[in-house]
Amino acid sequence: MVGFEGRRGWVYYLCVDPSVQRRGFGRAIMPAAEAWLRRRGTLKIHLQFRFTNLVVLGFYEKLGYGHQKFAVMRKRF
């Protein structure tokens, strides 16, 4: 799931079925998501994932994404 809020792009979820992970599907999806955001004029892309998911952390680092110092807060209804 990808979103654009007028200035920033967001990748909220990137999912690949566990039975076919590590076959390049995620690496194919991310450039498509980035291209979609670039066409909308995004200046930067943020990712959202659980900080405990070390596998996905390494995946995004290999794609050139770096760490940011900010917090995401939520309120459930």
Protein backbone atom coordinates (compact mmCIF):
# COMPACT_ATOMS: atom_id res chain seq x y z
CA MET A 1 0.00 0.00 0.00
CA VAL A 2 1.47 3.33 -1.10
CA GLY A 3 0.23 6.82 -0.33
CA PHE A 4 1.00 10.40 -1.30
CA GLU A 5 0.08 13.33 0.92
CA GLY A 6 1.06 16.21 -1.35
CA ARG A 7 4.73 16.39 -0.44
CA ARG A 8 5.78 13.07 1.07
CA GLY A 9 5.29 9.57 -0.19
CA TRP A 10 4.61 6.65 2.10
CA VAL A 11 5.05 2.92 1.74
CA TYR A 12 2.76 1.53 4.39
CA TYR A 13 2.79 -2.14 3.50
CA LEU A 14 4.82 -4.29 1.15
CA CYS A 15 3.71 -7.91 1.32
CA VAL A 16 5.08 -10.99 -0.36
CA ASP A 17 3.63 -14.40 0.39
CA PRO A 18 6.08 -16.25 2.67
CA SER A 19 6.09 -19.25 0.33
CA VAL A 20 7.68 -17.14 -2.45
CA GLN A 21 9.82 -14.72 -0.46
CA ARG A 22 13.48 -14.24 -1.40
CA ARG A 23 12.72 -14.57 -5.12
CA GLY A 24 12.93 -10.87 -6.00
CA PHE A 25 9.25 -9.94 -5.84
CA GLY A 26 9.80 -7.26 -3.18
CA ARG A 27 12.71 -5.84 -5.16
CA ALA A 28 10.39 -5.62 -8.19
CA ILE A 29 7.52 -4.03 -6.27
CA MET A 30 9.54 -1.26 -4.62
CA PRO A 31 10.75 0.43 -7.85
CA ALA A 32 7.15 0.43 -9.09
CA ALA A 33 5.99 2.08 -5.85
CA GLU A 34 8.81 4.62 -6.05
CA ALA A 35 7.99 5.42 -9.69
CA TRP A 36 4.30 5.93 -8.81
CA LEU A 37 5.32 8.40 -6.10
CA ARG A 38 7.83 10.21 -8.31
CA ARG A 39 5.13 10.79 -10.96
CA ARG A 40 3.15 12.60 -8.27
CA GLY A 41 6.08 14.86 -7.41
CA THR A 42 7.04 13.44 -4.04
CA LEU A 43 10.16 14.91 -2.47
CA LYS A 44 10.87 11.97 -0.16
CA ILE A 45 9.55 8.55 0.71
CA HIS A 46 8.88 7.26 4.20
CA LEU A 47 8.46 3.61 5.14
CA GLN A 48 6.37 2.21 7.92
CA PHE A 49 7.03 -1.18 9.50
CA ARG A 50 7.45 -2.74 12.92
CA PHE A 51 10.88 -1.98 14.36
CA THR A 52 11.12 -5.57 15.57
CA ASN A 53 11.02 -6.86 11.99
CA LEU A 54 14.77 -7.09 11.44
CA VAL A 55 14.43 -8.98 8.15
CA VAL A 56 12.49 -6.16 6.52
CA LEU A 57 14.84 -3.60 8.07
CA GLY A 58 17.76 -5.20 6.23
CA PHE A 59 15.73 -5.43 3.02
CA TYR A 60 15.04 -1.67 3.00
CA GLU A 61 18.60 -0.79 3.97
CA LYS A 62 19.85 -2.75 0.94
CA LEU A 63 17.52 -0.64 -1.23
CA GLY A 64 19.16 2.53 0.05
CA TYR A 65 16.72 3.60 2.76
CA GLY A 66 18.12 5.12 5.93
CA HIS A 67 16.91 5.67 9.46
CA GLN A 68 14.97 8.75 10.58
CA LYS A 69 14.61 10.10 14.09
CA PHE A 70 10.90 10.57 14.63
CA ALA A 71 8.09 8.82 16.39
CA VAL A 72 4.77 7.58 15.09
CA MET A 73 1.94 7.77 17.58
CA ARG A 74 -1.52 6.28 17.41
CA LYS A 75 -4.83 6.28 19.18
CA ARG A 76 -7.24 3.40 18.86
CA PHE A 77 -10.97 3.89 18.90
